[in-house]
Amino acid sequence: MELDEIKREALGFKAYNVKELSNKVLELKNKGVSFLGCVAFVQTNQKLTLSEARTMTLNLESWTDNDKKEIDIYHRLMMSDFEDQE
């Protein structure tokens, strides 16, 4: 899915609770949407800042412990690249 599609879907989806949001993110994940795409979905759907959306997305039941570890590794790698550039 492209970012515009993800955002359109987010605007059309009404999550009445965290479980519904988690199920929708799991559906997106199973369709091959990346973690960042899922963050964009949550950010648009919940009208959050990027940081808030990342935290909320990571805390959803959609991710296994291994998923979370891998996401954390890539996040730390990205942050170290930024620190190296300063």
PDB file of N, CA and C in Angstrom:
ATOM      1  N   MET A   1       0.840  -1.183   0.000  1.00  0.00           N
ATOM      2  CA  MET A   1       0.000   0.000   0.000  1.00  0.00           C
ATOM      3  C   MET A   1       0.879   1.238   0.000  1.00  0.00           C
ATOM      4  N   GLU A   2       0.431   2.216  -0.713  1.00  0.00           N
ATOM      5  CA  GLU A   2       1.133   3.495  -0.738  1.00  0.00           C
ATOM      6  C   GLU A   2       0.645   4.356   0.431  1.00  0.00           C
ATOM      7  N   LEU A   3       1.440   5.350   0.785  1.00  0.00           N
ATOM      8  CA  LEU A   3       1.135   6.201   1.928  1.00  0.00           C
ATOM      9  C   LEU A   3      -0.234   6.871   1.788  1.00  0.00           C
ATOM     10  N   ASP A   4      -0.557   7.350   0.596  1.00  0.00           N
ATOM     11  CA  ASP A   4      -1.860   7.999   0.390  1.00  0.00           C
ATOM     12  C   ASP A   4      -3.010   7.029   0.661  1.00  0.00           C
ATOM     13  N   GLU A   5      -2.854   5.777   0.240  1.00  0.00           N
ATOM     14  CA  GLU A   5      -3.876   4.754   0.489  1.00  0.00           C
ATOM     15  C   GLU A   5      -4.025   4.494   1.979  1.00  0.00           C
ATOM     16  N   ILE A   6      -2.888   4.403   2.661  1.00  0.00           N
ATOM     17  CA  ILE A   6      -2.894   4.149   4.109  1.00  0.00           C
ATOM     18  C   ILE A   6      -3.619   5.283   4.830  1.00  0.00           C
ATOM     19  N   LYS A   7      -3.319   6.517   4.441  1.00  0.00           N
ATOM     20  CA  LYS A   7      -3.954   7.667   5.093  1.00  0.00           C
ATOM     21  C   LYS A   7      -5.447   7.722   4.792  1.00  0.00           C
ATOM     22  N   ARG A   8      -5.841   7.412   3.548  1.00  0.00           N
ATOM     23  CA  ARG A   8      -7.272   7.387   3.203  1.00  0.00           C
ATOM     24  C   ARG A   8      -8.004   6.328   4.033  1.00  0.00           C
ATOM     25  N   GLU A   9      -7.374   5.159   4.147  1.00  0.00           N
ATOM     26  CA  GLU A   9      -7.982   4.095   4.942  1.00  0.00           C
ATOM     27  C   GLU A   9      -8.086   4.511   6.409  1.00  0.00           C
ATOM     28  N   ALA A  10      -7.069   5.199   6.911  1.00  0.00           N
ATOM     29  CA  ALA A  10      -7.073   5.661   8.305  1.00  0.00           C
ATOM     30  C   ALA A  10      -8.202   6.655   8.550  1.00  0.00           C
ATOM     31  N   LEU A  11      -8.422   7.536   7.585  1.00  0.00           N
ATOM     32  CA  LEU A  11      -9.482   8.532   7.739  1.00  0.00           C
ATOM     33  C   LEU A  11     -10.871   7.899   7.699  1.00  0.00           C
ATOM     34  N   GLY A  12     -11.000   6.785   6.994  1.00  0.00           N
ATOM     35  CA  GLY A  12     -12.288   6.121   6.872  1.00  0.00           C
ATOM     36  C   GLY A  12     -12.574   5.088   7.944  1.00  0.00           C
ATOM     37  N   PHE A  13     -11.592   4.788   8.783  1.00  0.00           N
ATOM     38  CA  PHE A  13     -11.743   3.758   9.807  1.00  0.00           C
ATOM     39  C   PHE A  13     -12.028   4.394  11.156  1.00  0.00           C
ATOM     40  N   LYS A  14     -13.065   3.909  11.822  1.00  0.00           N
ATOM     41  CA  LYS A  14     -13.410   4.399  13.158  1.00  0.00           C
ATOM     42  C   LYS A  14     -13.048   3.334  14.187  1.00  0.00           C
ATOM     43  N   ALA A  15     -12.011   3.607  14.946  1.00  0.00           N
ATOM     44  CA  ALA A  15     -11.602   2.700  16.028  1.00  0.00           C
ATOM     45  C   ALA A  15     -12.286   3.171  17.304  1.00  0.00           C
ATOM     46  N   TYR A  16     -13.161   2.332  17.825  1.00  0.00           N
ATOM     47  CA  TYR A  16     -13.890   2.707  19.035  1.00  0.00           C
ATOM     48  C   TYR A  16     -13.158   2.312  20.310  1.00  0.00           C
ATOM     49  N   ASN A  17     -12.098   1.504  20.139  1.00  0.00           N
ATOM     50  CA  ASN A  17     -11.279   1.143  21.289  1.00  0.00           C
ATOM     51  C   ASN A  17      -9.918   0.650  20.784  1.00  0.00           C
ATOM     52  N   VAL A  18      -9.016   0.438  21.700  1.00  0.00           N
ATOM     53  CA  VAL A  18      -7.652   0.042  21.347  1.00  0.00           C
ATOM     54  C   VAL A  18      -7.632  -1.326  20.667  1.00  0.00           C
ATOM     55  N   LYS A  19      -8.514  -2.221  21.085  1.00  0.00           N
ATOM     56  CA  LYS A  19      -8.564  -3.562  20.492  1.00  0.00           C
ATOM     57  C   LYS A  19      -8.911  -3.476  18.998  1.00  0.00           C
ATOM     58  N   GLU A  20      -9.881  -2.654  18.648  1.00  0.00           N
ATOM     59  CA  GLU A  20     -10.243  -2.486  17.233  1.00  0.00           C
ATOM     60  C   GLU A  20      -9.092  -1.898  16.445  1.00  0.00           C
ATOM     61  N   LEU A  21      -8.411  -0.926  17.029  1.00  0.00           N
ATOM     62  CA  LEU A  21      -7.256  -0.323  16.364  1.00  0.00           C
ATOM     63  C   LEU A  21      -6.152  -1.354  16.194  1.00  0.00           C
ATOM     64  N   SER A  22      -5.910  -2.136  17.214  1.00  0.00           N
ATOM     65  CA  SER A  22      -4.886  -3.168  17.160  1.00  0.00           C
ATOM     66  C   SER A  22      -5.205  -4.201  16.075  1.00  0.00           C
ATOM     67  N   ASN A  23      -6.465  -4.605  15.995  1.00  0.00           N
ATOM     68  CA  ASN A  23      -6.874  -5.565  14.969  1.00  0.00           C
ATOM     69  C   ASN A  23      -6.682  -4.994  13.562  1.00  0.00           C
ATOM     70  N   LYS A  24      -6.983  -3.717  13.397  1.00  0.00           N
ATOM     71  CA  LYS A  24      -6.815  -3.089  12.085  1.00  0.00           C
ATOM     72  C   LYS A  24      -5.339  -3.010  11.718  1.00  0.00           C
ATOM     73  N   VAL A  25      -4.495  -2.656  12.661  1.00  0.00           N
ATOM     74  CA  VAL A  25      -3.057  -2.585  12.404  1.00  0.00           C
ATOM     75  C   VAL A  25      -2.524  -3.980  12.086  1.00  0.00           C
ATOM     76  N   LEU A  26      -3.004  -4.994  12.783  1.00  0.00           N
ATOM     77  CA  LEU A  26      -2.598  -6.372  12.482  1.00  0.00           C
ATOM     78  C   LEU A  26      -3.017  -6.748  11.059  1.00  0.00           C
ATOM     79  N   GLU A  27      -4.203  -6.344  10.659  1.00  0.00           N
ATOM     80  CA  GLU A  27      -4.671  -6.596   9.289  1.00  0.00           C
ATOM     81  C   GLU A  27      -3.734  -5.934   8.276  1.00  0.00           C
ATOM     82  N   LEU A  28      -3.366  -4.687   8.540  1.00  0.00           N
ATOM     83  CA  LEU A  28      -2.446  -3.973   7.644  1.00  0.00           C
ATOM     84  C   LEU A  28      -1.095  -4.675   7.603  1.00  0.00           C
ATOM     85  N   LYS A  29      -0.599  -5.051   8.774  1.00  0.00           N
ATOM     86  CA  LYS A  29       0.689  -5.754   8.868  1.00  0.00           C
ATOM     87  C   LYS A  29       0.647  -7.044   8.049  1.00  0.00           C
ATOM     88  N   ASN A  30      -0.448  -7.783   8.162  1.00  0.00           N
ATOM     89  CA  ASN A  30      -0.591  -9.036   7.422  1.00  0.00           C
ATOM     90  C   ASN A  30      -0.704  -8.817   5.912  1.00  0.00           C
ATOM     91  N   LYS A  31      -1.093  -7.612   5.510  1.00  0.00           N
ATOM     92  CA  LYS A  31      -1.144  -7.251   4.086  1.00  0.00           C
ATOM     93  C   LYS A  31       0.217  -6.789   3.581  1.00  0.00           C
ATOM     94  N   GLY A  32       1.204  -6.738   4.485  1.00  0.00           N
ATOM     95  CA  GLY A  32       2.547  -6.338   4.084  1.00  0.00           C
ATOM     96  C   GLY A  32       2.893  -4.887   4.338  1.00  0.00           C
ATOM     97  N   VAL A  33       2.031  -4.172   5.056  1.00  0.00           N
ATOM     98  CA  VAL A  33       2.320  -2.778   5.389  1.00  0.00           C
ATOM     99  C   VAL A  33       3.424  -2.765   6.443  1.00  0.00           C
ATOM    100  N   SER A  34       4.434  -1.946   6.231  1.00  0.00           N
ATOM    101  CA  SER A  34       5.571  -1.863   7.143  1.00  0.00           C
ATOM    102  C   SER A  34       5.170  -1.225   8.473  1.00  0.00           C
ATOM    103  N   PHE A  35       6.076  -1.319   9.438  1.00  0.00           N
ATOM    104  CA  PHE A  35       5.848  -0.667  10.724  1.00  0.00           C
ATOM    105  C   PHE A  35       5.619   0.831  10.528  1.00  0.00           C
ATOM    106  N   LEU A  36       6.422   1.454   9.683  1.00  0.00           N
ATOM    107  CA  LEU A  36       6.258   2.897   9.456  1.00  0.00           C
ATOM    108  C   LEU A  36       4.916   3.216   8.811  1.00  0.00           C
ATOM    109  N   GLY A  37       4.442   2.347   7.941  1.00  0.00           N
ATOM    110  CA  GLY A  37       3.120   2.525   7.353  1.00  0.00           C
ATOM    111  C   GLY A  37       2.038   2.412   8.408  1.00  0.00           C
ATOM    112  N   CYS A  38       2.212   1.482   9.329  1.00  0.00           N
ATOM    113  CA  CYS A  38       1.256   1.323  10.424  1.00  0.00           C
ATOM    114  C   CYS A  38       1.275   2.534  11.350  1.00  0.00           C
ATOM    115  N   VAL A  39       2.453   3.090  11.576  1.00  0.00           N
ATOM    116  CA  VAL A  39       2.565   4.317  12.381  1.00  0.00           C
ATOM    117  C   VAL A  39       1.807   5.446  11.687  1.00  0.00           C
ATOM    118  N   ALA A  40       1.962   5.575  10.374  1.00  0.00           N
ATOM    119  CA  ALA A  40       1.253   6.609   9.621  1.00  0.00           C
ATOM    120  C   ALA A  40      -0.256   6.410   9.738  1.00  0.00           C
ATOM    121  N   PHE A  41      -0.703   5.148   9.686  1.00  0.00           N
ATOM    122  CA  PHE A  41      -2.122   4.859   9.844  1.00  0.00           C
ATOM    123  C   PHE A  41      -2.612   5.334  11.214  1.00  0.00           C
ATOM    124  N   VAL A  42      -1.912   4.946  12.271  1.00  0.00           N
ATOM    125  CA  VAL A  42      -2.310   5.317  13.631  1.00  0.00           C
ATOM    126  C   VAL A  42      -2.246   6.829  13.814  1.00  0.00           C
ATOM    127  N   GLN A  43      -1.202   7.450  13.288  1.00  0.00           N
ATOM    128  CA  GLN A  43      -1.063   8.899  13.419  1.00  0.00           C
ATOM    129  C   GLN A  43      -2.253   9.614  12.789  1.00  0.00           C
ATOM    130  N   THR A  44      -2.625   9.205  11.594  1.00  0.00           N
ATOM    131  CA  THR A  44      -3.740   9.838  10.894  1.00  0.00           C
ATOM    132  C   THR A  44      -5.064   9.513  11.560  1.00  0.00           C
ATOM    133  N   ASN A  45      -5.266   8.251  11.906  1.00  0.00           N
ATOM    134  CA  ASN A  45      -6.520   7.808  12.489  1.00  0.00           C
ATOM    135  C   ASN A  45      -6.774   8.426  13.858  1.00  0.00           C
ATOM    136  N   GLN A  46      -5.746   8.513  14.664  1.00  0.00           N
ATOM    137  CA  GLN A  46      -5.894   8.998  16.037  1.00  0.00           C
ATOM    138  C   GLN A  46      -5.534  10.472  16.203  1.00  0.00           C
ATOM    139  N   LYS A  47      -5.073  11.096  15.110  1.00  0.00           N
ATOM    140  CA  LYS A  47      -4.688  12.520  15.128  1.00  0.00           C
ATOM    141  C   LYS A  47      -3.623  12.787  16.204  1.00  0.00           C
ATOM    142  N   LEU A  48      -2.527  12.028  16.100  1.00  0.00           N
ATOM    143  CA  LEU A  48      -1.431  12.112  17.064  1.00  0.00           C
ATOM    144  C   LEU A  48      -0.191  12.703  16.418  1.00  0.00           C
ATOM    145  N   THR A  49       0.757  13.109  17.243  1.00  0.00           N
ATOM    146  CA  THR A  49       2.063  13.484  16.728  1.00  0.00           C
ATOM    147  C   THR A  49       2.767  12.214  16.276  1.00  0.00           C
ATOM    148  N   LEU A  50       3.823  12.359  15.518  1.00  0.00           N
ATOM    149  CA  LEU A  50       4.566  11.195  15.042  1.00  0.00           C
ATOM    150  C   LEU A  50       5.112  10.385  16.215  1.00  0.00           C
ATOM    151  N   SER A  51       5.662  11.060  17.203  1.00  0.00           N
ATOM    152  CA  SER A  51       6.216  10.380  18.369  1.00  0.00           C
ATOM    153  C   SER A  51       5.132   9.618  19.131  1.00  0.00           C
ATOM    154  N   GLU A  52       3.994  10.255  19.341  1.00  0.00           N
ATOM    155  CA  GLU A  52       2.883   9.593  20.038  1.00  0.00           C
ATOM    156  C   GLU A  52       2.384   8.381  19.241  1.00  0.00           C
ATOM    157  N   ALA A  53       2.295   8.549  17.927  1.00  0.00           N
ATOM    158  CA  ALA A  53       1.805   7.464  17.067  1.00  0.00           C
ATOM    159  C   ALA A  53       2.768   6.285  17.078  1.00  0.00           C
ATOM    160  N   ARG A  54       4.067   6.556  17.061  1.00  0.00           N
ATOM    161  CA  ARG A  54       5.065   5.478  17.107  1.00  0.00           C
ATOM    162  C   ARG A  54       4.922   4.687  18.406  1.00  0.00           C
ATOM    163  N   THR A  55       4.810   5.408  19.509  1.00  0.00           N
ATOM    164  CA  THR A  55       4.668   4.758  20.811  1.00  0.00           C
ATOM    165  C   THR A  55       3.383   3.947  20.877  1.00  0.00           C
ATOM    166  N   MET A  56       2.284   4.535  20.449  1.00  0.00           N
ATOM    167  CA  MET A  56       1.007   3.833  20.501  1.00  0.00           C
ATOM    168  C   MET A  56       1.026   2.607  19.590  1.00  0.00           C
ATOM    169  N   THR A  57       1.553   2.753  18.393  1.00  0.00           N
ATOM    170  CA  THR A  57       1.606   1.641  17.444  1.00  0.00           C
ATOM    171  C   THR A  57       2.435   0.495  18.005  1.00  0.00           C
ATOM    172  N   LEU A  58       3.570   0.820  18.579  1.00  0.00           N
ATOM    173  CA  LEU A  58       4.447  -0.210  19.138  1.00  0.00           C
ATOM    174  C   LEU A  58       3.800  -0.927  20.315  1.00  0.00           C
ATOM    175  N   ASN A  59       2.919  -0.240  21.030  1.00  0.00           N
ATOM    176  CA  ASN A  59       2.266  -0.837  22.200  1.00  0.00           C
ATOM    177  C   ASN A  59       1.022  -1.647  21.858  1.00  0.00           C
ATOM    178  N   LEU A  60       0.607  -1.636  20.594  1.00  0.00           N
ATOM    179  CA  LEU A  60      -0.558  -2.428  20.200  1.00  0.00           C
ATOM    180  C   LEU A  60      -0.215  -3.910  20.216  1.00  0.00           C
ATOM    181  N   GLU A  61      -1.226  -4.737  20.337  1.00  0.00           N
ATOM    182  CA  GLU A  61      -1.041  -6.189  20.390  1.00  0.00           C
ATOM    183  C   GLU A  61      -0.673  -6.783  19.032  1.00  0.00           C
ATOM    184  N   SER A  62      -0.505  -5.955  18.037  1.00  0.00           N
ATOM    185  CA  SER A  62      -0.238  -6.399  16.671  1.00  0.00           C
ATOM    186  C   SER A  62       1.177  -6.936  16.475  1.00  0.00           C
ATOM    187  N   TRP A  63       2.057  -6.702  17.420  1.00  0.00           N
ATOM    188  CA  TRP A  63       3.476  -6.999  17.256  1.00  0.00           C
ATOM    189  C   TRP A  63       3.931  -8.092  18.220  1.00  0.00           C
ATOM    190  N   THR A  64       4.686  -9.028  17.699  1.00  0.00           N
ATOM    191  CA  THR A  64       5.281 -10.058  18.556  1.00  0.00           C
ATOM    192  C   THR A  64       6.489  -9.456  19.272  1.00  0.00           C
ATOM    193  N   ASP A  65       7.007 -10.171  20.244  1.00  0.00           N
ATOM    194  CA  ASP A  65       8.216  -9.710  20.929  1.00  0.00           C
ATOM    195  C   ASP A  65       9.378  -9.593  19.942  1.00  0.00           C
ATOM    196  N   ASN A  66       9.469 -10.545  19.006  1.00  0.00           N
ATOM    197  CA  ASN A  66      10.534 -10.475  17.995  1.00  0.00           C
ATOM    198  C   ASN A  66      10.367  -9.262  17.089  1.00  0.00           C
ATOM    199  N   ASP A  67       9.121  -8.945  16.711  1.00  0.00           N
ATOM    200  CA  ASP A  67       8.863  -7.742  15.911  1.00  0.00           C
ATOM    201  C   ASP A  67       9.366  -6.512  16.663  1.00  0.00           C
ATOM    202  N   LYS A  68       9.021  -6.424  17.937  1.00  0.00           N
ATOM    203  CA  LYS A  68       9.398  -5.268  18.740  1.00  0.00           C
ATOM    204  C   LYS A  68      10.915  -5.144  18.864  1.00  0.00           C
ATOM    205  N   LYS A  69      11.591  -6.269  19.039  1.00  0.00           N
ATOM    206  CA  LYS A  69      13.055  -6.236  19.126  1.00  0.00           C
ATOM    207  C   LYS A  69      13.660  -5.741  17.816  1.00  0.00           C
ATOM    208  N   GLU A  70      13.148  -6.239  16.698  1.00  0.00           N
ATOM    209  CA  GLU A  70      13.663  -5.819  15.398  1.00  0.00           C
ATOM    210  C   GLU A  70      13.402  -4.337  15.146  1.00  0.00           C
ATOM    211  N   ILE A  71      12.219  -3.870  15.491  1.00  0.00           N
ATOM    212  CA  ILE A  71      11.890  -2.451  15.338  1.00  0.00           C
ATOM    213  C   ILE A  71      12.836  -1.612  16.187  1.00  0.00           C
ATOM    214  N   ASP A  72      13.080  -2.043  17.411  1.00  0.00           N
ATOM    215  CA  ASP A  72      13.977  -1.318  18.312  1.00  0.00           C
ATOM    216  C   ASP A  72      15.403  -1.273  17.758  1.00  0.00           C
ATOM    217  N   ILE A  73      15.873  -2.380  17.200  1.00  0.00           N
ATOM    218  CA  ILE A  73      17.223  -2.422  16.621  1.00  0.00           C
ATOM    219  C   ILE A  73      17.343  -1.396  15.491  1.00  0.00           C
ATOM    220  N   TYR A  74      16.360  -1.388  14.592  1.00  0.00           N
ATOM    221  CA  TYR A  74      16.407  -0.445  13.471  1.00  0.00           C
ATOM    222  C   TYR A  74      16.284   1.001  13.946  1.00  0.00           C
ATOM    223  N   HIS A  75      15.477   1.216  14.973  1.00  0.00           N
ATOM    224  CA  HIS A  75      15.332   2.567  15.508  1.00  0.00           C
ATOM    225  C   HIS A  75      16.652   3.059  16.100  1.00  0.00           C
ATOM    226  N   ARG A  76      17.299   2.198  16.884  1.00  0.00           N
ATOM    227  CA  ARG A  76      18.591   2.582  17.473  1.00  0.00           C
ATOM    228  C   ARG A  76      19.646   2.822  16.394  1.00  0.00           C
ATOM    229  N   LEU A  77      19.637   1.993  15.357  1.00  0.00           N
ATOM    230  CA  LEU A  77      20.572   2.168  14.247  1.00  0.00           C
ATOM    231  C   LEU A  77      20.345   3.507  13.550  1.00  0.00           C
ATOM    232  N   MET A  78      19.092   3.824  13.296  1.00  0.00           N
ATOM    233  CA  MET A  78      18.761   5.098  12.661  1.00  0.00           C
ATOM    234  C   MET A  78      19.197   6.273  13.539  1.00  0.00           C
ATOM    235  N   MET A  79      18.916   6.176  14.834  1.00  0.00           N
ATOM    236  CA  MET A  79      19.284   7.267  15.740  1.00  0.00           C
ATOM    237  C   MET A  79      20.797   7.416  15.827  1.00  0.00           C
ATOM    238  N   SER A  80      21.530   6.321  15.798  1.00  0.00           N
ATOM    239  CA  SER A  80      22.994   6.423  15.844  1.00  0.00           C
ATOM    240  C   SER A  80      23.529   7.076  14.576  1.00  0.00           C
ATOM    241  N   ASP A  81      22.889   6.825  13.443  1.00  0.00           N
ATOM    242  CA  ASP A  81      23.287   7.502  12.199  1.00  0.00           C
ATOM    243  C   ASP A  81      23.111   9.005  12.317  1.00  0.00           C
ATOM    244  N   PHE A  82      22.010   9.452  12.931  1.00  0.00           N
ATOM    245  CA  PHE A  82      21.789  10.880  13.131  1.00  0.00           C
ATOM    246  C   PHE A  82      22.841  11.463  14.067  1.00  0.00           C
ATOM    247  N   GLU A  83      23.160  10.741  15.137  1.00  0.00           N
ATOM    248  CA  GLU A  83      24.152  11.222  16.088  1.00  0.00           C
ATOM    249  C   GLU A  83      25.526  11.316  15.452  1.00  0.00           C
ATOM    250  N   ASP A  84      25.854  10.376  14.561  1.00  0.00           N
ATOM    251  CA  ASP A  84      27.142  10.383  13.886  1.00  0.00           C
ATOM    252  C   ASP A  84      27.282  11.580  12.958  1.00  0.00           C
ATOM    253  N   GLN A  85      26.184  12.054  12.422  1.00  0.00           N
ATOM    254  CA  GLN A  85      26.210  13.173  11.474  1.00  0.00           C
ATOM    255  C   GLN A  85      26.368  14.509  12.168  1.00  0.00           C
ATOM    256  N   GLU A  86      26.099  14.568  13.453  1.00  0.00           N
ATOM    257  CA  GLU A  86      26.163  15.853  14.170  1.00  0.00           C
ATOM    258  C   GLU A  86      27.570  16.249  14.499  1.00  0.00           C
TER     259      GLU A  86
END
